[in-house]
Protein backbone atom coordinates (compact mmCIF):
# COMPACT_ATOMS: atom_id res chain seq x y z
CA MET A 1 -26.67 -65.02 -111.49
CA GLU A 2 -28.25 -67.81 -109.92
CA ARG A 3 -29.89 -66.71 -106.47
CA MET A 4 -29.94 -68.37 -103.28
CA TYR A 5 -32.12 -67.09 -100.58
CA LEU A 6 -31.67 -67.00 -96.67
CA GLU A 7 -34.10 -69.80 -95.97
CA GLU A 8 -32.01 -72.19 -98.11
CA LEU A 9 -28.88 -71.28 -96.62
CA PHE A 10 -30.32 -72.63 -93.07
CA GLU A 11 -29.84 -76.43 -94.78
CA ILE A 12 -26.23 -75.72 -96.16
CA LEU A 13 -24.93 -73.78 -93.15
CA LYS A 14 -26.46 -75.67 -90.49
CA TYR A 15 -27.82 -72.42 -88.88
CA ARG A 16 -31.15 -72.00 -87.22
CA ASP A 17 -31.55 -68.12 -86.86
CA HIS A 18 -31.10 -65.33 -89.75
CA ARG A 19 -28.81 -63.44 -87.53
CA SER A 20 -26.13 -66.23 -87.56
CA ILE A 21 -26.45 -66.53 -91.45
CA ARG A 22 -26.06 -62.50 -91.42
CA ARG A 23 -23.07 -62.78 -89.52
CA TRP A 24 -21.60 -65.72 -91.46
CA CYS A 25 -22.13 -63.83 -94.79
CA LEU A 26 -20.57 -60.92 -93.08
CA ASN A 27 -17.34 -62.51 -91.86
CA ASN A 28 -16.90 -64.40 -95.03
CA GLN A 29 -17.36 -61.43 -97.52
CA VAL A 30 -20.86 -62.69 -98.93
CA GLN A 31 -23.16 -60.01 -99.74
CA ILE A 32 -26.76 -60.23 -98.90
CA LEU A 33 -28.90 -58.50 -101.46
CA PHE A 34 -32.67 -57.87 -101.79
CA ASP A 35 -35.15 -56.30 -104.38
CA VAL A 36 -36.79 -53.09 -104.24
CA GLY A 37 -39.91 -53.60 -102.13
CA SER A 38 -39.28 -57.20 -101.23
CA LYS A 39 -38.61 -58.68 -97.69
CA TRP A 40 -36.74 -61.81 -99.26
CA ARG A 41 -33.24 -61.57 -98.99
CA PHE A 42 -30.93 -63.48 -101.25
CA VAL A 43 -27.33 -63.93 -101.89
CA LEU A 44 -25.63 -64.83 -104.99
CA LYS A 45 -24.97 -68.51 -105.41
CA GLU A 46 -21.48 -68.00 -107.22
CA GLU A 47 -20.09 -66.14 -104.15
CA LEU A 48 -21.49 -68.26 -101.63
CA GLU A 49 -19.67 -71.22 -103.44
CA LYS A 50 -16.27 -69.16 -103.67
CA ALA A 51 -16.83 -68.49 -99.62
CA LEU A 52 -17.16 -72.31 -98.97
CA ASN A 53 -14.67 -73.28 -101.26
CA ARG A 54 -12.17 -70.86 -99.50
CA ILE A 55 -13.25 -72.09 -96.10
CA GLN A 56 -12.64 -75.86 -97.36
CA GLN A 57 -9.26 -74.92 -98.59
CA GLU A 58 -8.12 -72.97 -95.31
CA THR A 59 -9.27 -76.00 -93.40
CA GLU A 60 -7.24 -78.45 -95.53
CA LYS A 61 -4.11 -76.57 -94.88
CA GLN A 62 -4.42 -76.43 -91.36
CA VAL A 63 -5.00 -80.04 -91.10
CA SER A 64 -2.00 -80.83 -93.55
CA GLY A 65 0.16 -78.48 -91.67
CA ARG A 66 -0.37 -80.07 -87.96
CA LYS A 67 2.86 -81.94 -86.92
CA ARG A 68 2.31 -85.36 -86.04
CA VAL A 69 2.62 -86.20 -82.54
CA ASN A 70 4.68 -89.39 -81.60
CA HIS A 71 3.03 -90.89 -78.93
CA ARG A 72 5.32 -92.43 -76.30
CA LYS A 73 4.50 -95.60 -74.53
CA TYR A 74 3.67 -95.08 -70.94
CA THR A 75 6.25 -95.86 -68.47
CA PRO A 76 5.31 -95.77 -64.63
CA GLN A 77 7.68 -94.32 -62.60
CA GLY A 78 6.86 -95.34 -59.28
CA GLU A 79 6.11 -98.89 -57.51
CA ILE A 80 2.33 -97.98 -57.24
CA GLU A 81 2.16 -96.81 -60.56
CA LYS A 82 3.87 -100.60 -61.97
CA ALA A 83 1.36 -102.23 -59.39
CA PHE A 84 -1.50 -100.69 -60.76
CA LEU A 85 -0.68 -100.91 -64.48
CA SER A 86 0.23 -104.91 -63.82
CA THR A 87 -3.45 -105.07 -62.22
CA LEU A 88 -4.58 -103.42 -65.57
CA GLN A 89 -2.77 -106.00 -68.00
CA THR A 90 -3.86 -109.17 -66.24
């Protein structure tokens, strides 16, 4: 299994701090591992890719599930509004 060290995740996740990366991993079920006697932390590339794919699919579902709003053309109600709209249109 291929490793990705936390320093490599800065570019992928667009974070600047180790705490943010750790929080993201915790919230997205990506386990942070380390070798005994080593200070270098890493994640498994497979787990990271699964989490990123899951997030992308959820985002696509949210975007596709949104209702399209029909924007109505503005119609002025009062005389002042009608006068102002006519000055904008000329």
